[in-house]
Amino acid sequence: MLKLVVIDGQGGGLGKNLIEKIIKANVKDVDIIALGTNALATASMIKAGARTGATGENAIMVNAEKADVIMGPIAVVIPNSIMGEITQGISLAVGKSDAMKILIPLNRCNVEIPGTARYTVTQLLDSAVEELKKYQESMSS
C-alpha cells in the first residue's frame, strides 16, 4: 500500500480537490493522509476522503519522513509561504524526505514557474493525479 501524504494550508481547498480527484480516478492501494498547517485545512481534506489526518509542523515533519509520496502546492518547499504557514521546519522536512514529491506549480508566493501559466488549477491537479498513477505503476513493475 502506497502511503500518500497530502499537505495543504489555509482552508485546504487545493488538498481537498486533489484528494477528491485521486478518489474519483480510482487510484488503488493508496493510503491518503491529510496533513494541514491548520485544523481547517486538515478537516477539509479529511472530509474529502483522506483516511486520517494531523495538523501542524511536527505532524508534517514526522509524516513526511514516513511517506512514499508527498503531494501539495509547491509552496510546501518554500519557507514562510502560504502567508507564513509553511515553516522552515516543514519545507526542510518535505525537501529532505525520500518520498516522491508531486507538487502543484501554482504561481504564487513570488515564484513564477515558466510554462505553467497556461494551465488552470483543475488541469494542474489532473496532471498531478496522472503523475501519481505513473509513479505507482513504476513501483509495481
C-alpha atoms as a PDB file:
ATOM      1  CA  MET A   1       0.000   0.000   0.000  1.00  0.00           C
ATOM      2  CA  LEU A   2       1.359   3.398  -1.044  1.00  0.00           C
ATOM      3  CA  LYS A   3       1.482   5.908   1.825  1.00  0.00           C
ATOM      4  CA  LEU A   4       0.387   9.209   0.265  1.00  0.00           C
ATOM      5  CA  VAL A   5       0.662  12.413   2.265  1.00  0.00           C
ATOM      6  CA  VAL A   6      -1.270  15.463   1.029  1.00  0.00           C
ATOM      7  CA  ILE A   7      -0.116  18.734   2.574  1.00  0.00           C
ATOM      8  CA  ASP A   8      -2.054  21.995   2.420  1.00  0.00           C
ATOM      9  CA  GLY A   9      -2.708  25.152   4.397  1.00  0.00           C
ATOM     10  CA  GLN A  10      -5.229  27.970   4.737  1.00  0.00           C
ATOM     11  CA  GLY A  11      -8.667  26.418   4.005  1.00  0.00           C
ATOM     12  CA  GLY A  12      -7.273  23.224   2.497  1.00  0.00           C
ATOM     13  CA  GLY A  13      -9.084  23.764  -0.804  1.00  0.00           C
ATOM     14  CA  LEU A  14      -6.253  22.589  -3.044  1.00  0.00           C
ATOM     15  CA  GLY A  15      -5.666  19.477  -0.932  1.00  0.00           C
ATOM     16  CA  LYS A  16      -9.404  18.782  -0.796  1.00  0.00           C
ATOM     17  CA  ASN A  17      -9.745  18.981  -4.575  1.00  0.00           C
ATOM     18  CA  LEU A  18      -6.644  16.853  -5.063  1.00  0.00           C
ATOM     19  CA  ILE A  19      -7.919  14.111  -2.738  1.00  0.00           C
ATOM     20  CA  GLU A  20     -11.326  14.129  -4.438  1.00  0.00           C
ATOM     21  CA  LYS A  21      -9.635  13.723  -7.832  1.00  0.00           C
ATOM     22  CA  ILE A  22      -7.451  10.848  -6.581  1.00  0.00           C
ATOM     23  CA  ILE A  23     -10.515   9.046  -5.239  1.00  0.00           C
ATOM     24  CA  LYS A  24     -12.543   9.758  -8.379  1.00  0.00           C
ATOM     25  CA  ALA A  25      -9.664   8.441 -10.531  1.00  0.00           C
ATOM     26  CA  ASN A  26      -9.974   5.198  -8.552  1.00  0.00           C
ATOM     27  CA  VAL A  27      -6.278   5.043  -7.687  1.00  0.00           C
ATOM     28  CA  LYS A  28      -5.860   1.668  -5.980  1.00  0.00           C
ATOM     29  CA  ASP A  29      -3.745   0.653  -2.989  1.00  0.00           C
ATOM     30  CA  VAL A  30      -3.164   4.145  -1.663  1.00  0.00           C
ATOM     31  CA  ASP A  31      -3.468   5.269   1.945  1.00  0.00           C
ATOM     32  CA  ILE A  32      -4.242   9.009   1.880  1.00  0.00           C
ATOM     33  CA  ILE A  33      -3.113  11.003   4.913  1.00  0.00           C
ATOM     34  CA  ALA A  34      -4.136  14.665   5.164  1.00  0.00           C
ATOM     35  CA  LEU A  35      -1.610  16.989   6.766  1.00  0.00           C
ATOM     36  CA  GLY A  36      -2.750  20.545   7.306  1.00  0.00           C
ATOM     37  CA  THR A  37      -0.814  23.522   8.548  1.00  0.00           C
ATOM     38  CA  ASN A  38      -4.004  24.341  10.455  1.00  0.00           C
ATOM     39  CA  ALA A  39      -7.093  22.456  11.658  1.00  0.00           C
ATOM     40  CA  LEU A  40      -9.379  23.881   8.964  1.00  0.00           C
ATOM     41  CA  ALA A  41      -7.133  22.582   6.163  1.00  0.00           C
ATOM     42  CA  THR A  42      -6.854  19.162   7.796  1.00  0.00           C
ATOM     43  CA  ALA A  43     -10.622  18.880   8.350  1.00  0.00           C
ATOM     44  CA  SER A  44     -11.343  19.880   4.752  1.00  0.00           C
ATOM     45  CA  MET A  45      -9.033  17.165   3.400  1.00  0.00           C
ATOM     46  CA  ILE A  46     -10.410  14.506   5.735  1.00  0.00           C
ATOM     47  CA  LYS A  47     -13.933  15.413   4.642  1.00  0.00           C
ATOM     48  CA  ALA A  48     -12.782  14.946   1.028  1.00  0.00           C
ATOM     49  CA  GLY A  49     -11.855  11.347   1.769  1.00  0.00           C
ATOM     50  CA  ALA A  50      -8.439  11.108   3.419  1.00  0.00           C
ATOM     51  CA  ARG A  51      -8.271   8.109   5.748  1.00  0.00           C
ATOM     52  CA  THR A  52      -6.767  10.153   8.556  1.00  0.00           C
ATOM     53  CA  GLY A  53      -5.101  13.451   9.209  1.00  0.00           C
ATOM     54  CA  ALA A  54      -2.975  15.535  11.516  1.00  0.00           C
ATOM     55  CA  THR A  55      -2.243  19.205  11.958  1.00  0.00           C
ATOM     56  CA  GLY A  56       0.826  21.349  12.434  1.00  0.00           C
ATOM     57  CA  GLU A  57       4.544  21.490  11.875  1.00  0.00           C
ATOM     58  CA  ASN A  58       5.502  18.449  13.941  1.00  0.00           C
ATOM     59  CA  ALA A  59       2.854  16.230  12.333  1.00  0.00           C
ATOM     60  CA  ILE A  60       4.052  17.246   8.881  1.00  0.00           C
ATOM     61  CA  MET A  61       7.717  16.746   9.785  1.00  0.00           C
ATOM     62  CA  VAL A  62       7.105  13.264  11.225  1.00  0.00           C
ATOM     63  CA  ASN A  63       4.860  12.048   8.418  1.00  0.00           C
ATOM     64  CA  ALA A  64       6.929  13.491   5.552  1.00  0.00           C
ATOM     65  CA  GLU A  65       9.734  11.203   6.652  1.00  0.00           C
ATOM     66  CA  LYS A  66       7.457   8.131   6.544  1.00  0.00           C
ATOM     67  CA  ALA A  67       5.665   8.935   3.258  1.00  0.00           C
ATOM     68  CA  ASP A  68       6.098   7.171  -0.068  1.00  0.00           C
ATOM     69  CA  VAL A  69       4.612  10.142  -1.946  1.00  0.00           C
ATOM     70  CA  ILE A  70       4.063  13.768  -0.909  1.00  0.00           C
ATOM     71  CA  MET A  71       1.562  15.902  -2.819  1.00  0.00           C
ATOM     72  CA  GLY A  72       0.584  19.527  -2.344  1.00  0.00           C
ATOM     73  CA  PRO A  73       1.329  23.009  -3.631  1.00  0.00           C
ATOM     74  CA  ILE A  74       4.941  23.840  -4.490  1.00  0.00           C
ATOM     75  CA  ALA A  75       4.738  26.278  -1.599  1.00  0.00           C
ATOM     76  CA  VAL A  76       5.410  23.393   0.827  1.00  0.00           C
ATOM     77  CA  VAL A  77       9.104  23.614  -0.061  1.00  0.00           C
ATOM     78  CA  ILE A  78       9.275  27.422   0.264  1.00  0.00           C
ATOM     79  CA  PRO A  79       9.773  28.647   3.847  1.00  0.00           C
ATOM     80  CA  ASN A  80       7.312  31.305   5.020  1.00  0.00           C
ATOM     81  CA  SER A  81       4.964  30.757   2.090  1.00  0.00           C
ATOM     82  CA  ILE A  82       1.187  30.358   2.321  1.00  0.00           C
ATOM     83  CA  MET A  83       1.120  33.602   4.317  1.00  0.00           C
ATOM     84  CA  GLY A  84       3.692  32.247   6.762  1.00  0.00           C
ATOM     85  CA  GLU A  85       2.042  28.867   7.366  1.00  0.00           C
ATOM     86  CA  ILE A  86       4.953  26.930   5.870  1.00  0.00           C
ATOM     87  CA  THR A  87       7.710  26.998   8.456  1.00  0.00           C
ATOM     88  CA  GLN A  88      11.360  26.347   7.764  1.00  0.00           C
ATOM     89  CA  GLY A  89      10.896  23.008   9.504  1.00  0.00           C
ATOM     90  CA  ILE A  90       8.086  21.978   7.168  1.00  0.00           C
ATOM     91  CA  SER A  91       9.939  22.976   3.991  1.00  0.00           C
ATOM     92  CA  LEU A  92      13.108  21.235   5.184  1.00  0.00           C
ATOM     93  CA  ALA A  93      11.226  18.054   6.142  1.00  0.00           C
ATOM     94  CA  VAL A  94       9.496  17.870   2.749  1.00  0.00           C
ATOM     95  CA  GLY A  95      12.723  18.612   0.901  1.00  0.00           C
ATOM     96  CA  LYS A  96      14.732  16.025   2.877  1.00  0.00           C
ATOM     97  CA  SER A  97      12.108  13.294   2.576  1.00  0.00           C
ATOM     98  CA  ASP A  98      12.955  10.351   0.336  1.00  0.00           C
ATOM     99  CA  ALA A  99       9.312  10.362  -0.808  1.00  0.00           C
ATOM    100  CA  MET A 100       8.415  11.100  -4.411  1.00  0.00           C
ATOM    101  CA  LYS A 101       7.223  14.704  -4.424  1.00  0.00           C
ATOM    102  CA  ILE A 102       4.419  15.639  -6.801  1.00  0.00           C
ATOM    103  CA  LEU A 103       3.996  19.359  -6.274  1.00  0.00           C
ATOM    104  CA  ILE A 104       1.362  21.564  -7.880  1.00  0.00           C
ATOM    105  CA  PRO A 105       3.168  24.511  -9.526  1.00  0.00           C
ATOM    106  CA  LEU A 106       0.925  27.369  -8.517  1.00  0.00           C
ATOM    107  CA  ASN A 107       2.437  30.719  -9.423  1.00  0.00           C
ATOM    108  CA  ARG A 108       2.110  32.325  -6.015  1.00  0.00           C
ATOM    109  CA  CYS A 109       4.495  33.199  -3.197  1.00  0.00           C
ATOM    110  CA  ASN A 110       6.522  35.382  -5.576  1.00  0.00           C
ATOM    111  CA  VAL A 111       7.576  32.273  -7.514  1.00  0.00           C
ATOM    112  CA  GLU A 112       6.984  32.118 -11.237  1.00  0.00           C
ATOM    113  CA  ILE A 113       7.283  28.722 -12.894  1.00  0.00           C
ATOM    114  CA  PRO A 114       7.664  29.153 -16.660  1.00  0.00           C
ATOM    115  CA  GLY A 115       5.279  27.041 -18.715  1.00  0.00           C
ATOM    116  CA  THR A 116       2.580  26.699 -16.067  1.00  0.00           C
ATOM    117  CA  ALA A 117       0.731  29.971 -16.626  1.00  0.00           C
ATOM    118  CA  ARG A 118      -1.351  28.498 -19.409  1.00  0.00           C
ATOM    119  CA  TYR A 119      -2.825  25.742 -17.225  1.00  0.00           C
ATOM    120  CA  THR A 120      -5.810  26.031 -14.923  1.00  0.00           C
ATOM    121  CA  VAL A 121      -5.682  24.684 -11.383  1.00  0.00           C
ATOM    122  CA  THR A 122      -8.011  21.868 -12.485  1.00  0.00           C
ATOM    123  CA  GLN A 123      -5.611  20.900 -15.268  1.00  0.00           C
ATOM    124  CA  LEU A 124      -2.656  21.010 -12.885  1.00  0.00           C
ATOM    125  CA  LEU A 125      -4.471  18.757 -10.405  1.00  0.00           C
ATOM    126  CA  ASP A 126      -5.422  16.308 -13.167  1.00  0.00           C
ATOM    127  CA  SER A 127      -1.782  16.220 -14.233  1.00  0.00           C
ATOM    128  CA  ALA A 128      -0.673  15.586 -10.644  1.00  0.00           C
ATOM    129  CA  VAL A 129      -3.058  12.622 -10.353  1.00  0.00           C
ATOM    130  CA  GLU A 130      -1.651  11.208 -13.607  1.00  0.00           C
ATOM    131  CA  GLU A 131       1.881  11.572 -12.212  1.00  0.00           C
ATOM    132  CA  LEU A 132       0.797   9.670  -9.093  1.00  0.00           C
ATOM    133  CA  LYS A 133      -0.568   6.839 -11.261  1.00  0.00           C
ATOM    134  CA  LYS A 134       2.654   6.711 -13.312  1.00  0.00           C
ATOM    135  CA  TYR A 135       4.745   6.594 -10.164  1.00  0.00           C
ATOM    136  CA  GLN A 136       2.611   3.849  -8.681  1.00  0.00           C
ATOM    137  CA  GLU A 137       2.873   1.816 -11.904  1.00  0.00           C
ATOM    138  CA  SER A 138       6.664   2.240 -11.984  1.00  0.00           C
ATOM    139  CA  MET A 139       6.893   0.923  -8.410  1.00  0.00           C
ATOM    140  CA  SER A 140       4.941  -2.238  -9.240  1.00  0.00           C
ATOM    141  CA  SER A 141       6.986  -3.161 -12.312  1.00  0.00           C
END
